[in-house]
Amino acid sequence: MNFYGLDIAPWIEPLAQFVFWYPFFMALFWIAGALLFSLTREKEEELDLNEREWPLISILIPCYNEEETIAETIEYLDRLTYPNFEIIAVNDGSRDKTGDILVGLADEYERLRVIDCHENRGKANALHMAAHAARSEYLLCVDSDAFLSEEAPYYLVRHFLNRGERVGAVTGNPRIRNRDTLLSRMQLVEYSSIIGSIKRTQRVMGKIMTVSGVIVMFRKKALLSVGLWDRDMITEDIAVSWKLQKNFWDIRYEPRALCWMLVPESISGIWKQRVRWSQGGQEVVLRHFDIFKDWRQRRIWPVYIEQVISVLWAYAWLIVTVYLFATADTWQDMLIWFTYNSFALVLVSHVQLIISLWNDARYDKVFKYYVWAAWYPVIYWMLNTFVVIAATPKAIRARVKGGYATWSSPDRGTRRSSL
């Protein structure tokens, strides 16, 4: 088979091997890392709420078109038992009633201060303003649909107090609130088997790809030392994670700091969210390729390389699949290839899932959603392939264009089942 005069047939076999073995190997890698983290770092002593005088923390909430969730979130945060905190909410030029709602809530809640902006300049810009207004050295950033567990602020701030001055950020453990639909339950499986395992493994390695924007606490001094968040990056959480780690600030993962959030319940909502995530990851790759010039950055090299290989895998999968469809003599040839590869990958994915659910079951009743794992591996890998391909030109254009990376209101789902 020729493509613009180039015979690609000799390349198909090595590409097909790469398409199979890369996710297979990485699943085993995430399994090993998650187990190691769980066995060595999730058996620490129980939290003693009276062990010390807890410092002031500032909870920062950037908002854009959040009229349906923000009042509930502020009410929930105000009830936290943490003894010393303030809430700073920023309305970033919302087109709905978010600004009016926040102004009204400021009269109702003594801890709440509101910054009301009339132009959408992006989440990173909103966090900039909130950080400058914050009175605390410890900034807890949450999304406008976030319900923090009672213990989350304690677990997060304790890392800064006990682990040394080089701790620049601590990311928490996002959990899903809405669980009534097929799509939300599949994402619940994903957050346990992929995101949780990756965070645990990368923390064992010493560097992580990104903090979770929905729940992360920063040391203000660390943020100021790297110029705060990048206003021109579509995913401010990924971008600031790399800036901190390149400047030798440590980022930690605290799975006991739980945060309950809403996830998209429509295909279009998931698509937009994942394209945005992938674009942000690729923007970071384009911006920080210079890490290989500095030997001191060697601990973050594996994270960078894994991100690049993940993008290449998506294109390799597409090339191999299209080639096989175009050249297969019979449908049986196609089915044999897909059946063998799918069986092996689904098998190792389910082993990873079982271990991940075991890790998270101590925090969340997730084992009962195991049945939804049957749908998960195929959907995840196929969706991820097309997401990466769609995000690549967006990332390149964004790096060329520059300017403020504005945001749109995400799909928060429509149902909120009880936990």
Protein backbone atom coordinates (compact mmCIF):
# COMPACT_ATOMS: atom_id res chain seq x y z
CA MET A 1 0.00 0.00 0.00
CA ASN A 2 1.42 3.35 -1.07
CA PHE A 3 0.75 6.68 0.60
CA TYR A 4 1.83 9.59 -1.62
CA GLY A 5 4.38 7.30 -3.23
CA LEU A 6 5.67 5.94 0.10
CA ASP A 7 5.35 2.22 0.70
CA ILE A 8 4.18 1.94 4.32
CA ALA A 9 3.78 -1.84 4.38
CA PRO A 10 7.23 -2.49 5.96
CA TRP A 11 6.32 -0.14 8.80
CA ILE A 12 2.99 -1.72 9.70
CA GLU A 13 4.32 -4.72 11.61
CA PRO A 14 6.53 -2.68 14.00
CA LEU A 15 3.73 -0.15 14.39
CA ALA A 16 1.27 -2.95 15.18
CA GLN A 17 3.67 -4.31 17.79
CA PHE A 18 3.98 -0.85 19.31
CA VAL A 19 0.18 -0.39 19.34
CA PHE A 20 -0.21 -3.60 21.31
CA TRP A 21 2.78 -3.61 23.64
CA TYR A 22 2.80 0.03 24.74
CA PRO A 23 -0.59 0.01 26.59
CA PHE A 24 0.13 -3.54 27.80
CA PHE A 25 3.46 -2.53 29.33
CA MET A 26 2.13 0.73 30.74
CA ALA A 27 -0.78 -1.05 32.43
CA LEU A 28 1.73 -3.33 34.20
CA PHE A 29 3.82 -0.29 35.08
CA TRP A 30 0.82 1.55 36.61
CA ILE A 31 -0.14 -1.61 38.51
CA ALA A 32 3.33 -1.95 40.04
CA GLY A 33 3.57 1.73 40.93
CA ALA A 34 0.09 1.91 42.44
CA LEU A 35 0.74 -1.16 44.57
CA LEU A 36 4.07 0.20 45.76
CA PHE A 37 2.56 3.55 46.69
CA SER A 38 -0.38 1.94 48.46
CA LEU A 39 1.73 -0.48 50.47
CA THR A 40 4.34 2.06 51.52
CA ARG A 41 2.62 5.47 51.65
CA GLU A 42 -1.06 4.90 52.45
CA LYS A 43 -0.50 3.28 55.82
CA GLU A 44 0.47 6.38 57.74
CA GLU A 45 -0.97 7.22 61.13
CA GLU A 46 -4.55 8.42 61.41
CA LEU A 47 -5.20 12.14 61.31
CA ASP A 48 -5.33 13.82 64.73
CA LEU A 49 -7.36 17.01 64.35
CA ASN A 50 -6.06 18.30 67.68
CA GLU A 51 -2.38 17.69 67.01
CA ARG A 52 -1.52 21.37 66.41
CA GLU A 53 -2.78 24.87 65.75
CA TRP A 54 -3.90 24.72 62.15
CA PRO A 55 -2.82 27.69 59.97
CA LEU A 56 -5.08 29.91 57.92
CA ILE A 57 -5.85 28.60 54.44
CA SER A 58 -7.43 30.44 51.52
CA ILE A 59 -9.92 28.51 49.38
CA LEU A 60 -9.92 29.89 45.83
CA ILE A 61 -12.87 29.27 43.49
CA PRO A 62 -12.68 30.52 39.88
CA CYS A 63 -16.15 30.65 38.29
CA TYR A 64 -17.52 30.97 34.78
CA ASN A 65 -21.24 30.40 34.14
CA GLU A 66 -21.74 28.42 37.33
CA GLU A 67 -25.15 29.67 38.46
CA GLU A 68 -26.44 26.12 38.96
CA THR A 69 -23.67 24.94 41.30
CA ILE A 70 -21.91 27.85 43.01
CA ALA A 71 -24.40 28.53 45.83
CA GLU A 72 -24.41 24.87 46.83
CA THR A 73 -20.61 24.74 46.75
CA ILE A 74 -20.18 27.86 48.91
CA GLU A 75 -22.70 26.55 51.42
CA TYR A 76 -20.89 23.22 51.62
CA LEU A 77 -17.45 24.82 52.00
CA ASP A 78 -18.66 27.19 54.71
CA ARG A 79 -19.68 24.17 56.83
CA LEU A 80 -16.18 22.67 56.87
CA THR A 81 -14.86 22.01 60.36
CA TYR A 82 -11.37 23.27 59.53
CA PRO A 83 -10.91 26.03 62.13
CA ASN A 84 -9.21 28.77 60.13
CA PHE A 85 -10.05 29.53 56.50
CA GLU A 86 -11.37 32.11 54.07
CA ILE A 87 -13.14 31.69 50.73
CA ILE A 88 -12.34 33.83 47.68
CA ALA A 89 -14.59 33.38 44.66
CA VAL A 90 -13.81 35.03 41.32
CA ASN A 91 -16.53 35.57 38.75
CA ASP A 92 -14.63 35.57 35.46
CA GLY A 93 -17.00 37.48 33.20
CA SER A 94 -19.86 34.97 33.41
CA ARG A 95 -22.73 35.42 30.99
CA ASP A 96 -25.31 34.02 33.37
CA LYS A 97 -26.25 35.07 36.94
CA THR A 98 -23.09 33.78 38.60
CA GLY A 99 -21.86 37.28 39.49
CA ASP A 100 -25.14 38.36 41.04
CA ILE A 101 -25.39 35.12 43.01
CA LEU A 102 -21.88 35.53 44.39
CA VAL A 103 -22.48 39.14 45.43
CA GLY A 104 -25.58 38.02 47.30
CA LEU A 105 -23.72 35.13 48.94
CA ALA A 106 -21.01 37.52 50.17
CA ASP A 107 -23.61 39.17 52.38
CA GLU A 108 -24.68 35.80 53.73
CA TYR A 109 -21.32 34.17 54.45
CA GLU A 110 -18.76 36.02 56.56
CA ARG A 111 -15.82 33.98 55.25
CA LEU A 112 -16.61 34.70 51.60
CA ARG A 113 -15.01 37.48 49.55
CA VAL A 114 -15.94 38.00 45.91
CA ILE A 115 -14.00 39.40 42.96
CA ASP A 116 -16.44 40.24 40.17
CA CYS A 117 -14.78 40.59 36.74
CA HIS A 118 -16.76 41.74 33.73
CA GLU A 119 -14.60 40.09 31.05
CA ASN A 120 -13.68 36.44 30.58
CA ARG A 121 -9.89 36.26 30.77
CA GLY A 122 -9.57 32.57 31.64
CA LYS A 123 -9.26 30.40 34.73
CA ALA A 124 -5.56 31.13 35.19
CA ASN A 125 -6.21 34.88 35.27
CA ALA A 126 -9.01 34.41 37.79
CA LEU A 127 -6.66 32.40 40.01
CA HIS A 128 -4.03 35.15 39.69
CA MET A 129 -6.42 37.70 41.17
CA ALA A 130 -7.60 35.36 43.89
CA ALA A 131 -4.03 34.50 44.89
CA HIS A 132 -3.07 38.17 45.24
CA ALA A 133 -6.17 38.78 47.37
CA ALA A 134 -5.53 35.75 49.61
CA ARG A 135 -4.37 36.35 53.16
CA SER A 136 -2.87 32.88 53.61
CA GLU A 137 0.36 31.24 52.55
CA TYR A 138 -1.61 28.09 51.68
CA LEU A 139 -3.97 28.32 48.70
CA LEU A 140 -6.56 25.57 48.25
CA CYS A 141 -7.91 25.73 44.69
CA VAL A 142 -11.21 23.98 43.99
CA ASP A 143 -13.74 23.95 41.18
CA SER A 144 -17.17 25.50 41.58
CA ASP A 145 -18.87 22.10 41.86
CA ALA A 146 -16.46 20.73 44.46
CA PHE A 147 -17.57 19.24 47.78
CA LEU A 148 -14.52 18.73 50.00
CA SER A 149 -14.46 16.00 52.59
CA GLU A 150 -14.15 17.23 56.17
CA GLU A 151 -10.60 15.90 56.47
CA ALA A 152 -9.31 17.12 53.10
CA PRO A 153 -7.91 20.51 54.21
CA TYR A 154 -6.11 18.88 57.16
CA TYR A 155 -4.51 16.17 55.03
CA LEU A 156 -3.37 18.68 52.41
CA VAL A 157 -1.91 21.32 54.71
CA ARG A 158 -0.17 18.70 56.84
CA HIS A 159 2.23 17.95 53.97
CA PHE A 160 3.44 21.56 54.00
CA LEU A 161 3.88 21.51 57.77
CA ASN A 162 5.55 18.09 58.07
CA ARG A 163 7.40 17.45 54.79
CA GLY A 164 9.69 20.43 54.44
CA GLU A 165 9.93 23.80 52.76
CA ARG A 166 10.37 22.37 49.26
CA VAL A 167 6.79 21.09 49.09
CA GLY A 168 5.19 23.44 46.56
CA ALA A 169 1.84 21.73 45.98
CA VAL A 170 -0.27 18.81 47.18
CA THR A 171 -2.96 17.37 44.94
CA GLY A 172 -5.99 15.56 46.28
CA ASN A 173 -8.22 12.69 45.19
CA PRO A 174 -11.22 13.69 43.00
CA ARG A 175 -14.28 11.45 43.38
CA ILE A 176 -17.42 11.49 41.25
CA ARG A 177 -20.77 12.61 42.66
CA ASN A 178 -23.16 11.87 39.80
CA ARG A 179 -23.35 8.10 39.26
CA ASP A 180 -26.73 7.44 37.66
CA THR A 181 -25.75 7.19 33.98
CA LEU A 182 -23.59 4.85 31.92
CA LEU A 183 -21.15 7.62 31.03
CA SER A 184 -20.70 8.83 34.60
CA ARG A 185 -20.13 5.27 35.85
CA MET A 186 -17.56 4.63 33.17
CA GLN A 187 -15.73 7.77 34.27
CA LEU A 188 -15.89 6.54 37.85
CA VAL A 189 -14.06 3.41 36.68
CA GLU A 190 -11.56 5.56 34.79
CA TYR A 191 -10.79 7.80 37.75
CA SER A 192 -10.02 4.73 39.85
CA SER A 193 -8.16 2.54 37.35
CA ILE A 194 -6.26 5.10 35.29
CA ILE A 195 -6.02 8.49 37.00
CA GLY A 196 -5.55 7.17 40.53
CA SER A 197 -2.97 4.60 39.44
CA ILE A 198 -1.03 7.13 37.39
CA LYS A 199 -0.92 9.64 40.23
CA ARG A 200 0.32 6.99 42.66
CA THR A 201 2.96 5.68 40.26
CA GLN A 202 4.25 9.09 39.24
CA ARG A 203 4.51 10.09 42.89
CA VAL A 204 6.69 7.02 43.51
CA MET A 205 8.86 8.19 40.58
CA GLY A 206 9.13 11.60 42.23
CA LYS A 207 7.48 13.75 39.54
CA ILE A 208 3.89 13.92 38.31
CA MET A 209 2.33 15.05 35.05
CA THR A 210 -0.21 17.32 36.69
CA VAL A 211 -2.00 18.22 39.87
CA SER A 212 -5.79 17.84 39.84
CA GLY A 213 -7.25 21.27 39.17
CA VAL A 214 -10.42 20.35 41.02
CA ILE A 215 -8.54 19.98 44.34
CA VAL A 216 -4.98 21.13 44.91
CA MET A 217 -3.24 23.17 47.59
CA PHE A 218 -0.26 25.38 46.77
CA ARG A 219 2.37 27.11 48.82
CA LYS A 220 1.95 30.75 47.81
CA LYS A 221 5.69 31.37 47.94
CA ALA A 222 6.24 28.57 45.44
CA LEU A 223 3.65 29.96 43.05
CA LEU A 224 5.11 33.46 43.24
CA SER A 225 8.60 32.12 42.57
CA VAL A 226 7.45 30.73 39.18
CA GLY A 227 5.22 33.64 38.21
CA LEU A 228 1.93 32.01 39.24
CA TRP A 229 -0.22 30.31 36.58
CA ASP A 230 0.35 30.72 32.83
CA ARG A 231 -2.52 32.78 31.42
CA ASP A 232 -1.89 31.53 27.88
CA MET A 233 -2.14 27.79 28.64
CA ILE A 234 -5.50 26.06 28.21
CA THR A 235 -4.94 23.81 31.26
CA GLU A 236 -3.49 25.93 34.01
CA ASP A 237 -3.10 22.95 36.36
CA ILE A 238 -0.83 21.00 34.00
CA ALA A 239 1.20 24.10 33.14
CA VAL A 240 1.83 25.18 36.72
CA SER A 241 2.78 21.62 37.72
CA TRP A 242 5.64 21.70 35.22
CA LYS A 243 6.75 25.19 36.19
CA LEU A 244 6.96 24.21 39.84
CA GLN A 245 8.82 20.97 39.24
CA LYS A 246 11.25 22.54 36.78
CA ASN A 247 12.12 24.95 39.57
CA PHE A 248 12.64 22.03 41.95
CA TRP A 249 9.49 22.41 44.01
CA ASP A 250 8.06 19.10 45.16
CA ILE A 251 4.48 18.06 44.31
CA ARG A 252 2.80 15.40 46.42
CA TYR A 253 -0.31 13.26 46.02
CA GLU A 254 -2.67 12.81 48.97
CA PRO A 255 -5.36 10.19 48.20
CA ARG A 256 -7.10 10.76 51.54
CA ALA A 257 -7.93 14.37 50.59
CA LEU A 258 -11.24 13.62 48.89
CA CYS A 259 -13.18 16.01 46.70
CA TRP A 260 -16.58 15.13 45.27
CA MET A 261 -17.25 16.62 41.83
CA LEU A 262 -19.62 16.42 38.88
CA VAL A 263 -18.55 14.90 35.56
CA PRO A 264 -20.01 15.26 32.05
CA GLU A 265 -22.93 13.02 31.20
CA SER A 266 -23.00 13.63 27.46
CA ILE A 267 -20.67 12.51 24.69
CA SER A 268 -20.14 16.12 23.60
CA GLY A 269 -19.31 17.16 27.16
CA ILE A 270 -16.76 14.39 27.59
CA TRP A 271 -15.29 15.12 24.17
CA LYS A 272 -14.76 18.83 24.92
CA GLN A 273 -13.27 18.07 28.33
CA ARG A 274 -10.83 15.44 27.03
CA VAL A 275 -9.74 17.50 24.02
CA ARG A 276 -9.00 20.34 26.42
CA TRP A 277 -6.96 18.02 28.67
CA SER A 278 -5.04 16.58 25.74
CA GLN A 279 -4.41 20.01 24.28
CA GLY A 280 -3.04 21.16 27.61
CA GLY A 281 -0.70 18.18 27.82
CA GLN A 282 0.58 18.79 24.30
CA GLU A 283 1.05 22.50 24.97
CA VAL A 284 3.26 21.57 27.92
CA VAL A 285 5.27 19.21 25.72
CA LEU A 286 5.81 21.99 23.18
CA ARG A 287 6.78 24.55 25.82
CA HIS A 288 9.09 22.46 27.99
CA PHE A 289 11.16 20.45 25.49
CA ASP A 290 14.22 22.26 26.86
CA ILE A 291 14.25 20.06 29.98
CA PHE A 292 16.63 17.68 28.18
CA LYS A 293 19.27 20.41 28.11
CA ASP A 294 19.53 20.36 31.91
CA TRP A 295 20.76 17.21 33.67
CA ARG A 296 19.14 18.42 36.89
CA GLN A 297 15.72 17.92 35.24
CA ARG A 298 16.36 14.21 34.61
CA ARG A 299 13.74 13.01 37.11
CA ILE A 300 10.97 14.57 35.02
CA TRP A 301 12.26 13.18 31.73
CA PRO A 302 10.27 9.91 32.02
CA VAL A 303 7.02 11.86 32.51
CA TYR A 304 7.75 13.97 29.43
CA ILE A 305 8.72 10.95 27.32
CA GLU A 306 5.60 9.03 28.36
CA GLN A 307 3.43 11.97 27.32
CA VAL A 308 5.09 12.14 23.90
CA ILE A 309 4.82 8.38 23.36
CA SER A 310 1.13 8.48 24.26
CA VAL A 311 0.55 10.99 21.46
CA LEU A 312 2.57 8.90 19.01
CA TRP A 313 0.61 5.79 20.03
CA ALA A 314 -2.68 7.44 19.05
CA TYR A 315 -1.41 8.14 15.55
CA ALA A 316 0.13 4.67 15.28
CA TRP A 317 -3.19 3.04 16.27
CA LEU A 318 -5.02 5.03 13.61
CA ILE A 319 -2.48 4.19 10.89
CA VAL A 320 -2.50 0.46 11.70
CA THR A 321 -6.29 0.29 11.90
CA VAL A 322 -6.83 2.10 8.61
CA TYR A 323 -4.17 -0.05 6.91
CA LEU A 324 -5.72 -3.29 8.12
CA PHE A 325 -9.17 -2.22 6.99
CA ALA A 326 -7.80 -1.31 3.58
CA THR A 327 -5.73 -4.45 3.02
CA ALA A 328 -7.54 -7.27 4.85
CA ASP A 329 -8.67 -10.00 2.46
CA THR A 330 -11.53 -11.08 4.69
CA TRP A 331 -13.41 -9.87 7.73
CA GLN A 332 -11.99 -12.87 9.57
CA ASP A 333 -8.49 -11.42 9.24
CA MET A 334 -9.65 -8.20 10.86
CA LEU A 335 -11.57 -9.95 13.61
CA ILE A 336 -8.64 -12.20 14.53
CA TRP A 337 -6.31 -9.21 14.93
CA PHE A 338 -8.78 -7.13 16.93
CA THR A 339 -9.96 -10.07 19.05
CA TYR A 340 -6.47 -11.12 20.10
CA ASN A 341 -5.30 -7.61 20.90
CA SER A 342 -8.54 -6.63 22.59
CA PHE A 343 -8.59 -9.74 24.79
CA ALA A 344 -5.04 -9.26 26.02
CA LEU A 345 -5.48 -5.54 26.71
CA VAL A 346 -8.88 -5.99 28.35
CA LEU A 347 -7.41 -8.71 30.58
CA VAL A 348 -4.51 -6.60 31.83
CA SER A 349 -6.81 -3.57 32.13
CA HIS A 350 -9.11 -5.54 34.41
CA VAL A 351 -6.21 -6.63 36.58
CA GLN A 352 -5.23 -2.97 36.86
CA LEU A 353 -8.84 -2.08 37.61
CA ILE A 354 -9.19 -4.63 40.42
CA ILE A 355 -6.03 -3.38 42.12
CA SER A 356 -7.06 0.25 41.66
CA LEU A 357 -10.54 -0.37 43.05
CA TRP A 358 -8.93 -2.10 46.01
CA ASN A 359 -6.80 1.02 46.56
CA ASP A 360 -9.78 3.38 46.36
CA ALA A 361 -12.32 1.20 48.17
CA ARG A 362 -11.00 2.45 51.50
CA TYR A 363 -12.18 5.96 50.55
CA ASP A 364 -15.17 5.33 48.30
CA LYS A 365 -17.67 2.50 47.68
CA VAL A 366 -16.42 1.79 44.17
CA PHE A 367 -16.37 -2.01 43.97
CA LYS A 368 -20.07 -2.17 43.13
CA TYR A 369 -19.33 -0.35 39.88
CA TYR A 370 -16.96 -3.06 38.68
CA VAL A 371 -19.54 -4.34 36.19
CA TRP A 372 -19.16 -1.14 34.19
CA ALA A 373 -15.52 -1.98 33.60
CA ALA A 374 -16.56 -4.30 30.76
CA TRP A 375 -17.25 -1.24 28.64
CA TYR A 376 -14.32 0.78 29.82
CA PRO A 377 -11.06 -0.36 28.11
CA VAL A 378 -12.36 -0.30 24.53
CA ILE A 379 -14.14 3.04 24.93
CA TYR A 380 -11.20 4.66 26.71
CA TRP A 381 -8.51 3.74 24.19
CA MET A 382 -10.64 4.57 21.15
CA LEU A 383 -11.81 7.88 22.60
CA ASN A 384 -8.29 8.78 23.68
CA THR A 385 -6.99 8.18 20.16
CA PHE A 386 -9.37 10.60 18.48
CA VAL A 387 -9.06 13.11 21.32
CA VAL A 388 -5.28 13.28 20.89
CA ILE A 389 -5.57 13.72 17.13
CA ALA A 390 -8.18 16.47 17.51
CA ALA A 391 -6.10 18.27 20.16
CA THR A 392 -2.80 18.39 18.26
CA PRO A 393 -3.64 21.23 15.84
CA LYS A 394 -5.31 23.15 18.67
CA ALA A 395 -2.14 22.91 20.76
CA ILE A 396 0.05 24.06 17.88
CA ARG A 397 -2.22 27.01 17.07
CA ALA A 398 -2.35 28.03 20.73
CA ARG A 399 1.45 28.05 21.01
CA VAL A 400 1.72 30.19 17.88
CA LYS A 401 -1.14 32.55 18.71
CA GLY A 402 -0.53 33.16 22.43
CA GLY A 403 -2.81 35.47 24.44
CA TYR A 404 -5.31 34.70 27.17
CA ALA A 405 -6.59 31.11 27.25
CA THR A 406 -10.26 31.74 27.99
CA TRP A 407 -12.61 29.01 29.08
CA SER A 408 -16.18 27.85 28.62
CA SER A 409 -18.53 26.41 31.18
CA PRO A 410 -18.03 22.64 31.40
CA ASP A 411 -20.73 20.00 31.31
CA ARG A 412 -21.47 19.35 35.00
CA GLY A 413 -23.95 16.55 34.34
CA THR A 414 -27.64 16.60 35.10
CA ARG A 415 -28.05 14.08 37.89
CA ARG A 416 -26.57 14.04 41.37
CA SER A 417 -27.14 10.69 43.01
CA SER A 418 -26.49 10.13 46.67
CA LEU A 419 -23.14 8.66 47.62
